[in-house]
C-alpha atoms as a PDB file:
ATOM      1  CA  MET A   1     -10.300 -34.248 -11.054  1.00  0.00           C
ATOM      2  CA  LYS A   2      -7.021 -36.819 -11.298  1.00  0.00           C
ATOM      3  CA  ILE A   3      -5.610 -37.282  -8.110  1.00  0.00           C
ATOM      4  CA  ALA A   4      -2.370 -39.255  -6.916  1.00  0.00           C
ATOM      5  CA  VAL A   5      -1.993 -40.227  -3.534  1.00  0.00           C
ATOM      6  CA  LEU A   6       1.521 -41.113  -2.613  1.00  0.00           C
ATOM      7  CA  GLY A   7       1.262 -43.538   0.499  1.00  0.00           C
ATOM      8  CA  GLY A   8      -1.438 -46.190   1.181  1.00  0.00           C
ATOM      9  CA  GLY A   9      -1.350 -46.032   4.950  1.00  0.00           C
ATOM     10  CA  THR A  10      -4.166 -45.412   7.288  1.00  0.00           C
ATOM     11  CA  MET A  11      -4.622 -41.621   6.244  1.00  0.00           C
ATOM     12  CA  GLY A  12      -3.867 -42.195   2.695  1.00  0.00           C
ATOM     13  CA  GLU A  13      -6.766 -44.719   2.537  1.00  0.00           C
ATOM     14  CA  ALA A  14      -9.277 -42.340   4.731  1.00  0.00           C
ATOM     15  CA  ILE A  15      -8.493 -39.393   2.001  1.00  0.00           C
ATOM     16  CA  VAL A  16      -9.336 -41.759  -0.921  1.00  0.00           C
ATOM     17  CA  LYS A  17     -12.459 -43.079   1.004  1.00  0.00           C
ATOM     18  CA  SER A  18     -13.447 -39.375   1.682  1.00  0.00           C
ATOM     19  CA  ILE A  19     -12.904 -38.286  -1.825  1.00  0.00           C
ATOM     20  CA  LEU A  20     -14.913 -41.140  -3.555  1.00  0.00           C
ATOM     21  CA  ARG A  21     -18.026 -40.640  -0.538  1.00  0.00           C
ATOM     22  CA  LYS A  22     -18.080 -36.925  -1.694  1.00  0.00           C
ATOM     23  CA  LYS A  23     -17.618 -37.860  -5.204  1.00  0.00           C
ATOM     24  CA  LEU A  24     -14.810 -35.419  -5.923  1.00  0.00           C
ATOM     25  CA  ALA A  25     -13.499 -37.906  -8.202  1.00  0.00           C
ATOM     26  CA  GLY A  26     -14.177 -41.168  -9.722  1.00  0.00           C
ATOM     27  CA  ARG A  27     -12.463 -44.486  -9.211  1.00  0.00           C
ATOM     28  CA  ASP A  28     -10.615 -44.413 -12.584  1.00  0.00           C
ATOM     29  CA  ASP A  29      -9.402 -40.747 -11.487  1.00  0.00           C
ATOM     30  CA  ILE A  30      -7.396 -42.075  -8.450  1.00  0.00           C
ATOM     31  CA  VAL A  31      -4.148 -43.665  -8.171  1.00  0.00           C
ATOM     32  CA  ILE A  32      -2.729 -44.721  -5.124  1.00  0.00           C
ATOM     33  CA  SER A  33       1.381 -45.625  -4.992  1.00  0.00           C
ATOM     34  CA  ASP A  34       2.438 -47.661  -2.164  1.00  0.00           C
ATOM     35  CA  VAL A  35       5.480 -49.645  -1.787  1.00  0.00           C
ATOM     36  CA  ALA A  36       3.677 -52.642  -0.205  1.00  0.00           C
ATOM     37  CA  LYS A  37       2.191 -55.162  -2.652  1.00  0.00           C
ATOM     38  CA  PRO A  38      -0.218 -56.556  -0.015  1.00  0.00           C
ATOM     39  CA  ARG A  39      -1.402 -53.113   0.835  1.00  0.00           C
ATOM     40  CA  ARG A  40      -1.740 -52.013  -2.963  1.00  0.00           C
ATOM     41  CA  ASP A  41      -4.183 -55.371  -3.511  1.00  0.00           C
ATOM     42  CA  VAL A  42      -5.994 -54.332  -0.399  1.00  0.00           C
ATOM     43  CA  LEU A  43      -6.771 -50.849  -1.616  1.00  0.00           C
ATOM     44  CA  ASN A  44      -7.299 -51.930  -5.042  1.00  0.00           C
ATOM     45  CA  ASN A  45      -9.622 -54.529  -3.834  1.00  0.00           C
ATOM     46  CA  ARG A  46     -11.402 -52.199  -1.382  1.00  0.00           C
ATOM     47  CA  TYR A  47     -11.811 -49.154  -3.628  1.00  0.00           C
ATOM     48  CA  LYS A  48     -11.416 -50.404  -6.930  1.00  0.00           C
ATOM     49  CA  VAL A  49      -8.887 -47.720  -7.603  1.00  0.00           C
ATOM     50  CA  LYS A  50      -5.722 -47.861  -9.601  1.00  0.00           C
ATOM     51  CA  VAL A  51      -2.552 -48.672  -7.555  1.00  0.00           C
ATOM     52  CA  THR A  52       1.230 -48.625  -8.511  1.00  0.00           C
ATOM     53  CA  GLY A  53       4.575 -48.980  -6.789  1.00  0.00           C
ATOM     54  CA  ASP A  54       5.967 -46.569  -8.978  1.00  0.00           C
ATOM     55  CA  ASN A  55       5.701 -42.736  -7.537  1.00  0.00           C
ATOM     56  CA  LEU A  56       6.452 -41.318 -10.902  1.00  0.00           C
ATOM     57  CA  ALA A  57       3.782 -43.509 -12.858  1.00  0.00           C
ATOM     58  CA  ALA A  58       1.083 -42.342 -10.150  1.00  0.00           C
ATOM     59  CA  VAL A  59       1.525 -38.646 -10.668  1.00  0.00           C
ATOM     60  CA  LYS A  60       1.743 -38.792 -14.259  1.00  0.00           C
ATOM     61  CA  GLY A  61      -1.413 -36.992 -15.553  1.00  0.00           C
ATOM     62  CA  ALA A  62      -2.427 -36.004 -12.136  1.00  0.00           C
ATOM     63  CA  GLU A  63      -3.976 -32.686 -11.280  1.00  0.00           C
ATOM     64  CA  VAL A  64      -3.637 -33.185  -7.319  1.00  0.00           C
ATOM     65  CA  ILE A  65      -0.719 -35.189  -5.894  1.00  0.00           C
ATOM     66  CA  ILE A  66      -1.538 -35.914  -1.778  1.00  0.00           C
ATOM     67  CA  LEU A  67       1.820 -36.829  -0.184  1.00  0.00           C
ATOM     68  CA  ALA A  68       0.220 -39.082   2.499  1.00  0.00           C
ATOM     69  CA  ILE A  69       4.030 -40.670   3.296  1.00  0.00           C
ATOM     70  CA  LYS A  70       6.039 -40.562   6.529  1.00  0.00           C
ATOM     71  CA  PRO A  71       8.274 -37.765   7.373  1.00  0.00           C
ATOM     72  CA  GLN A  72      11.311 -39.694   7.420  1.00  0.00           C
ATOM     73  CA  ASP A  73      10.458 -40.962   3.515  1.00  0.00           C
ATOM     74  CA  PHE A  74       9.934 -37.180   2.735  1.00  0.00           C
ATOM     75  CA  PRO A  75      13.569 -36.627   1.319  1.00  0.00           C
ATOM     76  CA  ALA A  76      13.471 -39.298  -1.231  1.00  0.00           C
ATOM     77  CA  ILE A  77       9.945 -38.641  -2.424  1.00  0.00           C
ATOM     78  CA  LEU A  78      10.851 -34.752  -2.777  1.00  0.00           C
ATOM     79  CA  GLY A  79      13.836 -35.579  -4.873  1.00  0.00           C
ATOM     80  CA  GLN A  80      11.477 -38.009  -7.261  1.00  0.00           C
ATOM     81  CA  LEU A  81       9.360 -35.241  -8.015  1.00  0.00           C
ATOM     82  CA  ALA A  82      11.926 -32.351  -8.133  1.00  0.00           C
ATOM     83  CA  GLY A  83      11.820 -30.862 -11.530  1.00  0.00           C
ATOM     84  CA  ARG A  84       8.792 -32.869 -12.709  1.00  0.00           C
ATOM     85  CA  LEU A  85       6.261 -30.657 -11.568  1.00  0.00           C
ATOM     86  CA  LYS A  86       4.180 -28.099 -13.943  1.00  0.00           C
ATOM     87  CA  SER A  87       0.974 -27.067 -12.604  1.00  0.00           C
ATOM     88  CA  GLN A  88      -0.112 -29.771 -10.193  1.00  0.00           C
ATOM     89  CA  LEU A  89      -1.415 -29.107  -6.568  1.00  0.00           C
ATOM     90  CA  ILE A  90       0.627 -30.663  -3.758  1.00  0.00           C
ATOM     91  CA  ILE A  91      -0.875 -31.388  -0.669  1.00  0.00           C
ATOM     92  CA  SER A  92       1.307 -32.950   1.748  1.00  0.00           C
ATOM     93  CA  ILE A  93      -0.044 -34.252   5.349  1.00  0.00           C
ATOM     94  CA  ALA A  94       3.155 -35.066   6.793  1.00  0.00           C
ATOM     95  CA  ALA A  95       3.696 -34.078  10.489  1.00  0.00           C
ATOM     96  CA  GLY A  96       6.559 -31.321  11.108  1.00  0.00           C
ATOM     97  CA  ILE A  97       7.454 -30.860   7.375  1.00  0.00           C
ATOM     98  CA  ASN A  98       6.978 -27.222   6.831  1.00  0.00           C
ATOM     99  CA  LEU A  99       6.186 -25.402   3.601  1.00  0.00           C
ATOM    100  CA  ASP A 100       9.505 -23.849   3.100  1.00  0.00           C
ATOM    101  CA  THR A 101      11.323 -27.337   3.158  1.00  0.00           C
ATOM    102  CA  ILE A 102       8.839 -28.631   0.677  1.00  0.00           C
ATOM    103  CA  CYS A 103       8.955 -25.770  -1.680  1.00  0.00           C
ATOM    104  CA  SER A 104      12.600 -25.368  -1.382  1.00  0.00           C
ATOM    105  CA  LYS A 105      13.201 -29.077  -2.316  1.00  0.00           C
ATOM    106  CA  LEU A 106      10.935 -29.010  -5.165  1.00  0.00           C
ATOM    107  CA  ASN A 107      11.594 -25.396  -6.347  1.00  0.00           C
ATOM    108  CA  TYR A 108       7.757 -25.519  -6.473  1.00  0.00           C
ATOM    109  CA  PHE A 109       5.257 -23.350  -5.021  1.00  0.00           C
ATOM    110  CA  LYS A 110       1.918 -24.819  -5.535  1.00  0.00           C
ATOM    111  CA  VAL A 111       1.955 -26.601  -2.095  1.00  0.00           C
ATOM    112  CA  VAL A 112      -0.569 -27.044   0.623  1.00  0.00           C
ATOM    113  CA  ARG A 113       0.488 -28.299   4.075  1.00  0.00           C
ATOM    114  CA  ALA A 114      -2.127 -30.184   6.078  1.00  0.00           C
ATOM    115  CA  MET A 115      -2.588 -32.000   9.383  1.00  0.00           C
ATOM    116  CA  PRO A 116      -5.899 -34.187   9.284  1.00  0.00           C
ATOM    117  CA  ASN A 117      -6.443 -36.509  11.947  1.00  0.00           C
ATOM    118  CA  THR A 118      -7.619 -40.081  12.144  1.00  0.00           C
ATOM    119  CA  PRO A 119     -11.364 -39.754  12.632  1.00  0.00           C
ATOM    120  CA  ALA A 120     -11.328 -38.947   9.116  1.00  0.00           C
ATOM    121  CA  GLN A 121     -11.652 -42.494   8.363  1.00  0.00           C
ATOM    122  CA  VAL A 122     -15.238 -42.310   9.435  1.00  0.00           C
ATOM    123  CA  GLY A 123     -15.706 -38.734   7.962  1.00  0.00           C
ATOM    124  CA  LYS A 124     -15.562 -36.982  11.342  1.00  0.00           C
ATOM    125  CA  GLY A 125     -11.926 -35.692  10.866  1.00  0.00           C
ATOM    126  CA  MET A 126     -10.536 -32.372  11.869  1.00  0.00           C
ATOM    127  CA  THR A 127      -7.893 -31.330   9.495  1.00  0.00           C
ATOM    128  CA  ALA A 128      -5.870 -27.706  10.075  1.00  0.00           C
ATOM    129  CA  TRP A 129      -4.157 -26.514   6.901  1.00  0.00           C
ATOM    130  CA  THR A 130      -2.224 -23.629   5.180  1.00  0.00           C
ATOM    131  CA  SER A 131      -0.745 -23.005   1.903  1.00  0.00           C
ATOM    132  CA  ALA A 132       2.146 -21.101   0.260  1.00  0.00           C
ATOM    133  CA  LYS A 133       1.307 -17.660  -0.329  1.00  0.00           C
ATOM    134  CA  ASP A 134       1.207 -17.276  -3.971  1.00  0.00           C
ATOM    135  CA  LEU A 135      -1.352 -20.281  -4.001  1.00  0.00           C
ATOM    136  CA  SER A 136      -4.421 -19.306  -6.283  1.00  0.00           C
ATOM    137  CA  ASN A 137      -7.748 -19.046  -4.635  1.00  0.00           C
ATOM    138  CA  LYS A 138      -8.991 -21.680  -7.316  1.00  0.00           C
ATOM    139  CA  ASP A 139      -6.406 -24.105  -5.956  1.00  0.00           C
ATOM    140  CA  ARG A 140      -7.014 -23.410  -2.463  1.00  0.00           C
ATOM    141  CA  GLU A 141     -10.895 -24.042  -2.885  1.00  0.00           C
ATOM    142  CA  ILE A 142      -9.900 -27.295  -4.747  1.00  0.00           C
ATOM    143  CA  ALA A 143      -7.584 -28.227  -1.411  1.00  0.00           C
ATOM    144  CA  ARG A 144     -10.389 -27.157   0.904  1.00  0.00           C
ATOM    145  CA  SER A 145     -12.742 -29.238  -0.797  1.00  0.00           C
ATOM    146  CA  ILE A 146     -10.688 -32.325  -0.626  1.00  0.00           C
ATOM    147  CA  LEU A 147      -9.693 -31.692   3.219  1.00  0.00           C
ATOM    148  CA  ALA A 148     -13.479 -30.709   4.002  1.00  0.00           C
ATOM    149  CA  ALA A 149     -14.571 -34.114   2.218  1.00  0.00           C
ATOM    150  CA  MET A 150     -12.823 -35.839   5.650  1.00  0.00           C
ATOM    151  CA  GLY A 151     -14.863 -33.747   8.212  1.00  0.00           C
ATOM    152  CA  GLU A 152     -14.189 -30.300   9.577  1.00  0.00           C
ATOM    153  CA  GLU A 153     -11.361 -28.042   8.348  1.00  0.00           C
ATOM    154  CA  GLN A 154      -9.474 -25.196   9.444  1.00  0.00           C
ATOM    155  CA  TYR A 155      -7.395 -22.655   7.523  1.00  0.00           C
ATOM    156  CA  PHE A 156      -4.633 -21.055   8.863  1.00  0.00           C
ATOM    157  CA  ALA A 157      -2.747 -17.931   6.977  1.00  0.00           C
ATOM    158  CA  ASP A 158       0.263 -18.458   9.377  1.00  0.00           C
ATOM    159  CA  GLU A 159       1.936 -21.786   9.242  1.00  0.00           C
ATOM    160  CA  LYS A 160       2.799 -21.517  12.713  1.00  0.00           C
ATOM    161  CA  TYR A 161      -0.424 -22.683  13.875  1.00  0.00           C
ATOM    162  CA  ILE A 162       0.035 -25.908  11.939  1.00  0.00           C
ATOM    163  CA  ASP A 163       2.195 -27.317  14.745  1.00  0.00           C
ATOM    164  CA  MET A 164       0.135 -26.363  17.461  1.00  0.00           C
ATOM    165  CA  ALA A 165      -2.703 -28.062  15.700  1.00  0.00           C
ATOM    166  CA  THR A 166      -0.782 -31.119  15.353  1.00  0.00           C
ATOM    167  CA  ALA A 167      -0.407 -31.304  19.079  1.00  0.00           C
ATOM    168  CA  ILE A 168      -4.055 -30.925  19.578  1.00  0.00           C
ATOM    169  CA  SER A 169      -6.220 -32.254  16.779  1.00  0.00           C
ATOM    170  CA  GLY A 170      -3.581 -34.450  15.059  1.00  0.00           C
ATOM    171  CA  SER A 171      -2.561 -36.248  17.918  1.00  0.00           C
ATOM    172  CA  GLY A 172      -5.620 -35.417  20.057  1.00  0.00           C
ATOM    173  CA  PRO A 173      -7.444 -38.562  19.292  1.00  0.00           C
ATOM    174  CA  ALA A 174      -5.181 -40.711  20.827  1.00  0.00           C
ATOM    175  CA  TYR A 175      -5.195 -38.756  24.035  1.00  0.00           C
ATOM    176  CA  VAL A 176      -9.144 -39.060  23.955  1.00  0.00           C
ATOM    177  CA  PHE A 177      -8.662 -43.079  23.391  1.00  0.00           C
ATOM    178  CA  LEU A 178      -6.237 -43.454  26.235  1.00  0.00           C
ATOM    179  CA  PHE A 179      -8.938 -41.356  28.283  1.00  0.00           C
ATOM    180  CA  ILE A 180     -11.827 -43.930  26.940  1.00  0.00           C
ATOM    181  CA  GLU A 181      -9.434 -46.971  27.875  1.00  0.00           C
ATOM    182  CA  ALA A 182      -9.029 -45.629  31.439  1.00  0.00           C
ATOM    183  CA  MET A 183     -12.655 -44.914  32.058  1.00  0.00           C
ATOM    184  CA  ILE A 184     -13.748 -48.667  30.620  1.00  0.00           C
ATOM    185  CA  ASP A 185     -11.084 -50.077  32.880  1.00  0.00           C
ATOM    186  CA  ALA A 186     -12.471 -48.063  35.884  1.00  0.00           C
ATOM    187  CA  GLY A 187     -15.863 -49.219  35.290  1.00  0.00           C
ATOM    188  CA  VAL A 188     -14.693 -52.833  35.008  1.00  0.00           C
ATOM    189  CA  HIS A 189     -12.865 -52.249  38.132  1.00  0.00           C
ATOM    190  CA  ILE A 190     -15.993 -51.571  40.103  1.00  0.00           C
ATOM    191  CA  GLY A 191     -17.910 -54.246  38.794  1.00  0.00           C
ATOM    192  CA  LEU A 192     -19.227 -53.623  35.337  1.00  0.00           C
ATOM    193  CA  PRO A 193     -18.928 -56.042  32.452  1.00  0.00           C
ATOM    194  CA  ARG A 194     -16.171 -54.863  29.801  1.00  0.00           C
ATOM    195  CA  ASN A 195     -18.778 -54.733  27.317  1.00  0.00           C
ATOM    196  CA  VAL A 196     -21.271 -52.679  29.249  1.00  0.00           C
ATOM    197  CA  ALA A 197     -18.651 -50.459  30.507  1.00  0.00           C
ATOM    198  CA  THR A 198     -17.631 -49.703  27.000  1.00  0.00           C
ATOM    199  CA  LYS A 199     -21.039 -48.659  25.774  1.00  0.00           C
ATOM    200  CA  LEU A 200     -21.434 -46.592  28.507  1.00  0.00           C
ATOM    201  CA  VAL A 201     -18.315 -44.660  28.002  1.00  0.00           C
ATOM    202  CA  VAL A 202     -18.335 -44.364  24.117  1.00  0.00           C
ATOM    203  CA  GLU A 203     -21.854 -43.071  24.203  1.00  0.00           C
ATOM    204  CA  THR A 204     -20.923 -40.700  26.979  1.00  0.00           C
ATOM    205  CA  ILE A 205     -17.855 -39.182  25.364  1.00  0.00           C
ATOM    206  CA  VAL A 206     -19.947 -38.784  22.174  1.00  0.00           C
ATOM    207  CA  GLY A 207     -22.946 -37.336  23.575  1.00  0.00           C
ATOM    208  CA  SER A 208     -20.989 -34.989  25.787  1.00  0.00           C
ATOM    209  CA  ALA A 209     -19.077 -33.767  22.549  1.00  0.00           C
ATOM    210  CA  GLU A 210     -22.357 -33.367  20.694  1.00  0.00           C
ATOM    211  CA  THR A 211     -23.841 -31.382  23.639  1.00  0.00           C
ATOM    212  CA  MET A 212     -20.789 -29.015  23.779  1.00  0.00           C
ATOM    213  CA  LYS A 213     -21.155 -28.375  19.985  1.00  0.00           C
ATOM    214  CA  LYS A 214     -24.677 -27.753  19.715  1.00  0.00           C
ATOM    215  CA  MET A 215     -25.109 -25.847  23.297  1.00  0.00           C
ATOM    216  CA  ALA A 216     -21.946 -23.728  22.394  1.00  0.00           C
ATOM    217  CA  LYS A 217     -21.285 -23.351  26.175  1.00  0.00           C
ATOM    218  CA  HIS A 218     -17.913 -23.192  27.927  1.00  0.00           C
ATOM    219  CA  PRO A 219     -16.769 -26.573  28.944  1.00  0.00           C
ATOM    220  CA  ALA A 220     -16.488 -25.326  32.764  1.00  0.00           C
ATOM    221  CA  GLU A 221     -20.155 -24.285  32.668  1.00  0.00           C
ATOM    222  CA  LEU A 222     -21.001 -27.671  31.210  1.00  0.00           C
ATOM    223  CA  LYS A 223     -19.095 -29.530  33.617  1.00  0.00           C
ATOM    224  CA  ASN A 224     -20.762 -27.335  36.509  1.00  0.00           C
ATOM    225  CA  MET A 225     -24.185 -28.333  35.044  1.00  0.00           C
ATOM    226  CA  VAL A 226     -23.254 -31.976  35.886  1.00  0.00           C
ATOM    227  CA  THR A 227     -21.886 -31.271  39.312  1.00  0.00           C
ATOM    228  CA  SER A 228     -23.912 -31.042  42.347  1.00  0.00           C
ATOM    229  CA  PRO A 229     -22.703 -29.713  45.734  1.00  0.00           C
ATOM    230  CA  GLY A 230     -21.250 -32.692  47.821  1.00  0.00           C
ATOM    231  CA  GLY A 231     -21.980 -35.031  45.432  1.00  0.00           C
ATOM    232  CA  THR A 232     -20.839 -37.889  43.166  1.00  0.00           C
ATOM    233  CA  THR A 233     -19.356 -35.973  40.587  1.00  0.00           C
ATOM    234  CA  ALA A 234     -17.656 -33.306  42.781  1.00  0.00           C
ATOM    235  CA  GLU A 235     -16.047 -36.406  44.523  1.00  0.00           C
ATOM    236  CA  ALA A 236     -14.673 -37.718  41.105  1.00  0.00           C
ATOM    237  CA  LEU A 237     -13.724 -34.404  39.957  1.00  0.00           C
ATOM    238  CA  LEU A 238     -11.551 -33.775  43.276  1.00  0.00           C
ATOM    239  CA  GLN A 239      -9.755 -37.111  42.725  1.00  0.00           C
ATOM    240  CA  LEU A 240      -8.872 -36.013  38.760  1.00  0.00           C
ATOM    241  CA  GLU A 241      -7.560 -32.553  39.809  1.00  0.00           C
ATOM    242  CA  SER A 242      -5.767 -33.690  42.882  1.00  0.00           C
ATOM    243  CA  GLY A 243      -4.059 -36.485  40.446  1.00  0.00           C
ATOM    244  CA  GLY A 244      -2.970 -33.368  38.200  1.00  0.00           C
ATOM    245  CA  LEU A 245      -5.220 -34.411  35.180  1.00  0.00           C
ATOM    246  CA  ARG A 246      -5.132 -30.792  33.905  1.00  0.00           C
ATOM    247  CA  SER A 247      -1.464 -30.044  34.414  1.00  0.00           C
ATOM    248  CA  LEU A 248      -0.538 -33.537  32.715  1.00  0.00           C
ATOM    249  CA  MET A 249      -2.544 -32.811  29.640  1.00  0.00           C
ATOM    250  CA  ILE A 250      -1.159 -29.261  29.203  1.00  0.00           C
ATOM    251  CA  ASN A 251       2.442 -30.830  29.623  1.00  0.00           C
ATOM    252  CA  ALA A 252       1.615 -33.607  27.161  1.00  0.00           C
ATOM    253  CA  VAL A 253       0.164 -31.154  24.435  1.00  0.00           C
ATOM    254  CA  ALA A 254       3.502 -29.134  24.701  1.00  0.00           C
ATOM    255  CA  ALA A 255       5.592 -32.090  24.410  1.00  0.00           C
ATOM    256  CA  ALA A 256       3.679 -32.947  21.254  1.00  0.00           C
ATOM    257  CA  TYR A 257       4.209 -29.531  19.956  1.00  0.00           C
ATOM    258  CA  ASN A 258       7.831 -29.099  20.636  1.00  0.00           C
ATOM    259  CA  LYS A 259       8.207 -32.667  18.733  1.00  0.00           C
ATOM    260  CA  ALA A 260       6.561 -31.338  15.987  1.00  0.00           C
ATOM    261  CA  LYS A 261       8.521 -28.505  15.784  1.00  0.00           C
ATOM    262  CA  SER A 262      11.623 -30.363  15.910  1.00  0.00           C
ATOM    263  CA  LEU A 263      10.658 -32.829  13.096  1.00  0.00           C
ATOM    264  CA  GLY A 264      10.328 -29.581  10.941  1.00  0.00           C
ATOM    265  CA  ALA A 265      13.906 -28.420  12.169  1.00  0.00           C
ATOM    266  CA  LYS A 266      15.762 -31.697  10.784  1.00  0.00           C
END
């Protein structure tokens, strides 16, 4: 399978790394296009794949074209590709750019819209995706194999859920990292060495997520298993609830969702 990746940033690199790790394509079958030569050199040295600064050269002969570019760069890229596509599968990972926009600008309908997240860099990503209605089952499975290479994937028949997923799983790692940072700072505040606080927090976060995944219990039930009446956990949770942590999270996700929708409306 010959694959062209337009955009060699963090997510473009994560996709290439995942494709190679899962052996969906060989190094000689992947081309990355990026405007920055230093970045192209890094990717070439790191993965031994072909690189170019020319998008049209990158897509020549490709069976799959992955658009890993910023939303603001989309109009120019779609303009370059319009009228030049025949049977390639297009996978876009740009936030907020909907299928109607991509398909109408390209006058082409073999298109998938996906929203991966940064844990894809270590094979632990979560990708929400959808596709144009007329996409064949074969092309849909090709897209699924590429997205699943980065971790977990969730297909939505209705595109409206992609902007919602953008606010949850797309932006979600940043929320988690902020919480981790605050928890580490709290450990330092009460006297723990920073490196020790970091280890305690990271392993607690990872272990808690794995516990919920494997035990398949509601988070409230798991929370209650940790919380003894009148104990330390109950006191800490009181402070978090009093400070509005729950409502802040709901408002933050709603704001991200509204932003994603506004990007698609432009």
